[in-house]
Amino acid sequence: MPIPLANAQRMLDMRTAAFRDLQVFLREHGPVDTAEKEAEFERLRARAEAVVAALGESLAA
């Protein structure tokens, strides 16, 4: 059963936002050279990975 178009669009928007947030962080705070920056980068990376995984699972269903 395909996912509804509105849900797919919302998930794509979440994916775009997650990667945009990573890009902005790296542009404004890079290089990642402190423990605080490393922690924030890892948080943003984990969020992006979770969104991509959820999108993949939804598309596979």
PDB file of N, CA and C in Angstrom:
ATOM      1  N   MET A   1       0.849  -1.180   0.000  1.00  0.00           N
ATOM      2  CA  MET A   1       0.000   0.000   0.000  1.00  0.00           C
ATOM      3  C   MET A   1       0.894   1.243   0.000  1.00  0.00           C
ATOM      4  N   PRO A   2       0.787   2.098  -1.001  1.00  0.00           N
ATOM      5  CA  PRO A   2       1.638   3.279  -1.082  1.00  0.00           C
ATOM      6  C   PRO A   2       1.300   4.283   0.020  1.00  0.00           C
ATOM      7  N   ILE A   3       2.315   5.057   0.407  1.00  0.00           N
ATOM      8  CA  ILE A   3       2.064   6.080   1.416  1.00  0.00           C
ATOM      9  C   ILE A   3       1.358   7.261   0.758  1.00  0.00           C
ATOM     10  N   PRO A   4       0.478   7.930   1.496  1.00  0.00           N
ATOM     11  CA  PRO A   4      -0.225   9.090   0.941  1.00  0.00           C
ATOM     12  C   PRO A   4       0.768  10.176   0.522  1.00  0.00           C
ATOM     13  N   LEU A   5       0.426  10.882  -0.524  1.00  0.00           N
ATOM     14  CA  LEU A   5       1.299  11.917  -1.064  1.00  0.00           C
ATOM     15  C   LEU A   5       1.654  12.970  -0.018  1.00  0.00           C
ATOM     16  N   ALA A   6       0.705  13.371   0.803  1.00  0.00           N
ATOM     17  CA  ALA A   6       0.977  14.388   1.830  1.00  0.00           C
ATOM     18  C   ALA A   6       2.023  13.891   2.817  1.00  0.00           C
ATOM     19  N   ASN A   7       1.945  12.619   3.205  1.00  0.00           N
ATOM     20  CA  ASN A   7       2.935  12.066   4.128  1.00  0.00           C
ATOM     21  C   ASN A   7       4.303  11.984   3.471  1.00  0.00           C
ATOM     22  N   ALA A   8       4.335  11.582   2.216  1.00  0.00           N
ATOM     23  CA  ALA A   8       5.606  11.506   1.497  1.00  0.00           C
ATOM     24  C   ALA A   8       6.239  12.888   1.396  1.00  0.00           C
ATOM     25  N   GLN A   9       5.440  13.894   1.080  1.00  0.00           N
ATOM     26  CA  GLN A   9       5.969  15.252   0.972  1.00  0.00           C
ATOM     27  C   GLN A   9       6.481  15.743   2.317  1.00  0.00           C
ATOM     28  N   ARG A  10       5.752  15.450   3.378  1.00  0.00           N
ATOM     29  CA  ARG A  10       6.187  15.860   4.721  1.00  0.00           C
ATOM     30  C   ARG A  10       7.520  15.208   5.071  1.00  0.00           C
ATOM     31  N   MET A  11       7.665  13.929   4.742  1.00  0.00           N
ATOM     32  CA  MET A  11       8.915  13.225   5.040  1.00  0.00           C
ATOM     33  C   MET A  11      10.067  13.774   4.200  1.00  0.00           C
ATOM     34  N   LEU A  12       9.803  14.105   2.948  1.00  0.00           N
ATOM     35  CA  LEU A  12      10.843  14.713   2.113  1.00  0.00           C
ATOM     36  C   LEU A  12      11.237  16.084   2.657  1.00  0.00           C
ATOM     37  N   ASP A  13      10.259  16.838   3.141  1.00  0.00           N
ATOM     38  CA  ASP A  13      10.546  18.140   3.748  1.00  0.00           C
ATOM     39  C   ASP A  13      11.394  17.976   5.004  1.00  0.00           C
ATOM     40  N   MET A  14      11.103  16.951   5.807  1.00  0.00           N
ATOM     41  CA  MET A  14      11.888  16.683   7.019  1.00  0.00           C
ATOM     42  C   MET A  14      13.321  16.313   6.643  1.00  0.00           C
ATOM     43  N   ARG A  15      13.478  15.517   5.575  1.00  0.00           N
ATOM     44  CA  ARG A  15      14.809  15.123   5.113  1.00  0.00           C
ATOM     45  C   ARG A  15      15.591  16.361   4.671  1.00  0.00           C
ATOM     46  N   THR A  16      14.941  17.213   3.895  1.00  0.00           N
ATOM     47  CA  THR A  16      15.586  18.434   3.423  1.00  0.00           C
ATOM     48  C   THR A  16      16.003  19.312   4.598  1.00  0.00           C
ATOM     49  N   ALA A  17      15.133  19.462   5.579  1.00  0.00           N
ATOM     50  CA  ALA A  17      15.434  20.292   6.750  1.00  0.00           C
ATOM     51  C   ALA A  17      16.593  19.722   7.551  1.00  0.00           C
ATOM     52  N   ALA A  18      16.630  18.407   7.711  1.00  0.00           N
ATOM     53  CA  ALA A  18      17.703  17.779   8.486  1.00  0.00           C
ATOM     54  C   ALA A  18      19.056  18.017   7.829  1.00  0.00           C
ATOM     55  N   PHE A  19      19.128  17.850   6.519  1.00  0.00           N
ATOM     56  CA  PHE A  19      20.398  18.057   5.828  1.00  0.00           C
ATOM     57  C   PHE A  19      20.754  19.535   5.740  1.00  0.00           C
ATOM     58  N   ARG A  20      19.751  20.401   5.617  1.00  0.00           N
ATOM     59  CA  ARG A  20      20.009  21.839   5.623  1.00  0.00           C
ATOM     60  C   ARG A  20      20.594  22.258   6.971  1.00  0.00           C
ATOM     61  N   ASP A  21      20.045  21.716   8.069  1.00  0.00           N
ATOM     62  CA  ASP A  21      20.556  22.050   9.397  1.00  0.00           C
ATOM     63  C   ASP A  21      22.008  21.609   9.553  1.00  0.00           C
ATOM     64  N   LEU A  22      22.346  20.443   9.022  1.00  0.00           N
ATOM     65  CA  LEU A  22      23.743  19.986   9.050  1.00  0.00           C
ATOM     66  C   LEU A  22      24.632  20.945   8.263  1.00  0.00           C
ATOM     67  N   GLN A  23      24.188  21.325   7.091  1.00  0.00           N
ATOM     68  CA  GLN A  23      24.957  22.221   6.235  1.00  0.00           C
ATOM     69  C   GLN A  23      25.176  23.576   6.912  1.00  0.00           C
ATOM     70  N   VAL A  24      24.126  24.125   7.494  1.00  0.00           N
ATOM     71  CA  VAL A  24      24.232  25.416   8.178  1.00  0.00           C
ATOM     72  C   VAL A  24      25.185  25.309   9.365  1.00  0.00           C
ATOM     73  N   PHE A  25      25.061  24.240  10.139  1.00  0.00           N
ATOM     74  CA  PHE A  25      25.949  24.056  11.285  1.00  0.00           C
ATOM     75  C   PHE A  25      27.407  24.039  10.837  1.00  0.00           C
ATOM     76  N   LEU A  26      27.708  23.255   9.811  1.00  0.00           N
ATOM     77  CA  LEU A  26      29.090  23.155   9.347  1.00  0.00           C
ATOM     78  C   LEU A  26      29.585  24.479   8.776  1.00  0.00           C
ATOM     79  N   ARG A  27      28.734  25.196   8.082  1.00  0.00           N
ATOM     80  CA  ARG A  27      29.127  26.483   7.506  1.00  0.00           C
ATOM     81  C   ARG A  27      29.377  27.517   8.606  1.00  0.00           C
ATOM     82  N   GLU A  28      28.529  27.525   9.629  1.00  0.00           N
ATOM     83  CA  GLU A  28      28.628  28.556  10.663  1.00  0.00           C
ATOM     84  C   GLU A  28      29.557  28.188  11.811  1.00  0.00           C
ATOM     85  N   HIS A  29      29.757  26.889  12.056  1.00  0.00           N
ATOM     86  CA  HIS A  29      30.512  26.479  13.239  1.00  0.00           C
ATOM     87  C   HIS A  29      31.696  25.576  12.931  1.00  0.00           C
ATOM     88  N   GLY A  30      31.900  25.224  11.673  1.00  0.00           N
ATOM     89  CA  GLY A  30      33.003  24.340  11.319  1.00  0.00           C
ATOM     90  C   GLY A  30      34.331  25.037  11.492  1.00  0.00           C
ATOM     91  N   PRO A  31      35.400  24.331  11.655  1.00  0.00           N
ATOM     92  CA  PRO A  31      35.482  22.874  11.732  1.00  0.00           C
ATOM     93  C   PRO A  31      34.993  22.353  13.088  1.00  0.00           C
ATOM     94  N   VAL A  32      34.676  21.078  13.106  1.00  0.00           N
ATOM     95  CA  VAL A  32      34.208  20.423  14.332  1.00  0.00           C
ATOM     96  C   VAL A  32      35.456  20.071  15.143  1.00  0.00           C
ATOM     97  N   ASP A  33      35.832  21.001  16.032  1.00  0.00           N
ATOM     98  CA  ASP A  33      37.100  20.848  16.738  1.00  0.00           C
ATOM     99  C   ASP A  33      36.982  20.923  18.258  1.00  0.00           C
ATOM    100  N   THR A  34      35.753  20.886  18.780  1.00  0.00           N
ATOM    101  CA  THR A  34      35.562  20.854  20.229  1.00  0.00           C
ATOM    102  C   THR A  34      34.548  19.767  20.560  1.00  0.00           C
ATOM    103  N   ALA A  35      34.517  19.394  21.816  1.00  0.00           N
ATOM    104  CA  ALA A  35      33.564  18.367  22.251  1.00  0.00           C
ATOM    105  C   ALA A  35      32.125  18.845  22.062  1.00  0.00           C
ATOM    106  N   GLU A  36      31.875  20.123  22.305  1.00  0.00           N
ATOM    107  CA  GLU A  36      30.529  20.663  22.138  1.00  0.00           C
ATOM    108  C   GLU A  36      30.096  20.620  20.675  1.00  0.00           C
ATOM    109  N   LYS A  37      30.989  21.008  19.788  1.00  0.00           N
ATOM    110  CA  LYS A  37      30.672  20.961  18.357  1.00  0.00           C
ATOM    111  C   LYS A  37      30.481  19.523  17.896  1.00  0.00           C
ATOM    112  N   GLU A  38      31.309  18.628  18.400  1.00  0.00           N
ATOM    113  CA  GLU A  38      31.188  17.209  18.044  1.00  0.00           C
ATOM    114  C   GLU A  38      29.830  16.664  18.485  1.00  0.00           C
ATOM    115  N   ALA A  39      29.411  17.013  19.688  1.00  0.00           N
ATOM    116  CA  ALA A  39      28.123  16.537  20.198  1.00  0.00           C
ATOM    117  C   ALA A  39      26.967  17.069  19.351  1.00  0.00           C
ATOM    118  N   GLU A  40      27.017  18.343  19.001  1.00  0.00           N
ATOM    119  CA  GLU A  40      25.946  18.922  18.179  1.00  0.00           C
ATOM    120  C   GLU A  40      25.951  18.317  16.778  1.00  0.00           C
ATOM    121  N   PHE A  41      27.126  18.138  16.204  1.00  0.00           N
ATOM    122  CA  PHE A  41      27.218  17.512  14.888  1.00  0.00           C
ATOM    123  C   PHE A  41      26.643  16.099  14.924  1.00  0.00           C
ATOM    124  N   GLU A  42      26.976  15.329  15.937  1.00  0.00           N
ATOM    125  CA  GLU A  42      26.465  13.959  16.057  1.00  0.00           C
ATOM    126  C   GLU A  42      24.949  13.944  16.232  1.00  0.00           C
ATOM    127  N   ARG A  43      24.418  14.902  16.979  1.00  0.00           N
ATOM    128  CA  ARG A  43      22.963  14.998  17.149  1.00  0.00           C
ATOM    129  C   ARG A  43      22.284  15.271  15.810  1.00  0.00           C
ATOM    130  N   LEU A  44      22.818  16.216  15.066  1.00  0.00           N
ATOM    131  CA  LEU A  44      22.245  16.551  13.763  1.00  0.00           C
ATOM    132  C   LEU A  44      22.396  15.396  12.773  1.00  0.00           C
ATOM    133  N   ARG A  45      23.537  14.719  12.807  1.00  0.00           N
ATOM    134  CA  ARG A  45      23.774  13.584  11.919  1.00  0.00           C
ATOM    135  C   ARG A  45      22.809  12.450  12.228  1.00  0.00           C
ATOM    136  N   ALA A  46      22.623  12.158  13.504  1.00  0.00           N
ATOM    137  CA  ALA A  46      21.703  11.090  13.909  1.00  0.00           C
ATOM    138  C   ALA A  46      20.274  11.422  13.482  1.00  0.00           C
ATOM    139  N   ARG A  47      19.896  12.690  13.599  1.00  0.00           N
ATOM    140  CA  ARG A  47      18.558  13.114  13.158  1.00  0.00           C
ATOM    141  C   ARG A  47      18.392  12.891  11.656  1.00  0.00           C
ATOM    142  N   ALA A  48      19.391  13.277  10.888  1.00  0.00           N
ATOM    143  CA  ALA A  48      19.319  13.093   9.435  1.00  0.00           C
ATOM    144  C   ALA A  48      19.240  11.614   9.078  1.00  0.00           C
ATOM    145  N   GLU A  49      20.041  10.791   9.741  1.00  0.00           N
ATOM    146  CA  GLU A  49      20.010   9.352   9.473  1.00  0.00           C
ATOM    147  C   GLU A  49      18.649   8.754   9.820  1.00  0.00           C
ATOM    148  N   ALA A  50      18.058   9.190  10.921  1.00  0.00           N
ATOM    149  CA  ALA A  50      16.752   8.665  11.331  1.00  0.00           C
ATOM    150  C   ALA A  50      15.668   9.048  10.325  1.00  0.00           C
ATOM    151  N   VAL A  51      15.719  10.266   9.828  1.00  0.00           N
ATOM    152  CA  VAL A  51      14.728  10.712   8.849  1.00  0.00           C
ATOM    153  C   VAL A  51      14.873   9.917   7.553  1.00  0.00           C
ATOM    154  N   VAL A  52      16.106   9.723   7.095  1.00  0.00           N
ATOM    155  CA  VAL A  52      16.335   8.954   5.869  1.00  0.00           C
ATOM    156  C   VAL A  52      15.868   7.510   6.050  1.00  0.00           C
ATOM    157  N   ALA A  53      16.152   6.914   7.199  1.00  0.00           N
ATOM    158  CA  ALA A  53      15.723   5.537   7.460  1.00  0.00           C
ATOM    159  C   ALA A  53      14.197   5.436   7.479  1.00  0.00           C
ATOM    160  N   ALA A  54      13.542   6.390   8.120  1.00  0.00           N
ATOM    161  CA  ALA A  54      12.076   6.372   8.176  1.00  0.00           C
ATOM    162  C   ALA A  54      11.478   6.534   6.781  1.00  0.00           C
ATOM    163  N   LEU A  55      12.071   7.390   5.982  1.00  0.00           N
ATOM    164  CA  LEU A  55      11.586   7.578   4.614  1.00  0.00           C
ATOM    165  C   LEU A  55      11.763   6.292   3.814  1.00  0.00           C
ATOM    166  N   GLY A  56      12.916   5.656   3.959  1.00  0.00           N
ATOM    167  CA  GLY A  56      13.161   4.399   3.258  1.00  0.00           C
ATOM    168  C   GLY A  56      12.186   3.313   3.662  1.00  0.00           C
ATOM    169  N   GLU A  57      11.901   3.220   4.955  1.00  0.00           N
ATOM    170  CA  GLU A  57      10.946   2.218   5.437  1.00  0.00           C
ATOM    171  C   GLU A  57       9.549   2.492   4.895  1.00  0.00           C
ATOM    172  N   SER A  58       9.164   3.752   4.862  1.00  0.00           N
ATOM    173  CA  SER A  58       7.839   4.099   4.349  1.00  0.00           C
ATOM    174  C   SER A  58       7.718   3.785   2.865  1.00  0.00           C
ATOM    175  N   LEU A  59       8.764   4.062   2.127  1.00  0.00           N
ATOM    176  CA  LEU A  59       8.725   3.790   0.691  1.00  0.00           C
ATOM    177  C   LEU A  59       8.754   2.297   0.400  1.00  0.00           C
ATOM    178  N   ALA A  60       9.401   1.532   1.273  1.00  0.00           N
ATOM    179  CA  ALA A  60       9.487   0.083   1.077  1.00  0.00           C
ATOM    180  C   ALA A  60       8.178  -0.617   1.431  1.00  0.00           C
ATOM    181  N   ALA A  61       7.362   0.021   2.269  1.00  0.00           N
ATOM    182  CA  ALA A  61       6.110  -0.603   2.724  1.00  0.00           C
ATOM    183  C   ALA A  61       5.059  -0.649   1.645  1.00  0.00           C
TER     184      ALA A  61
END
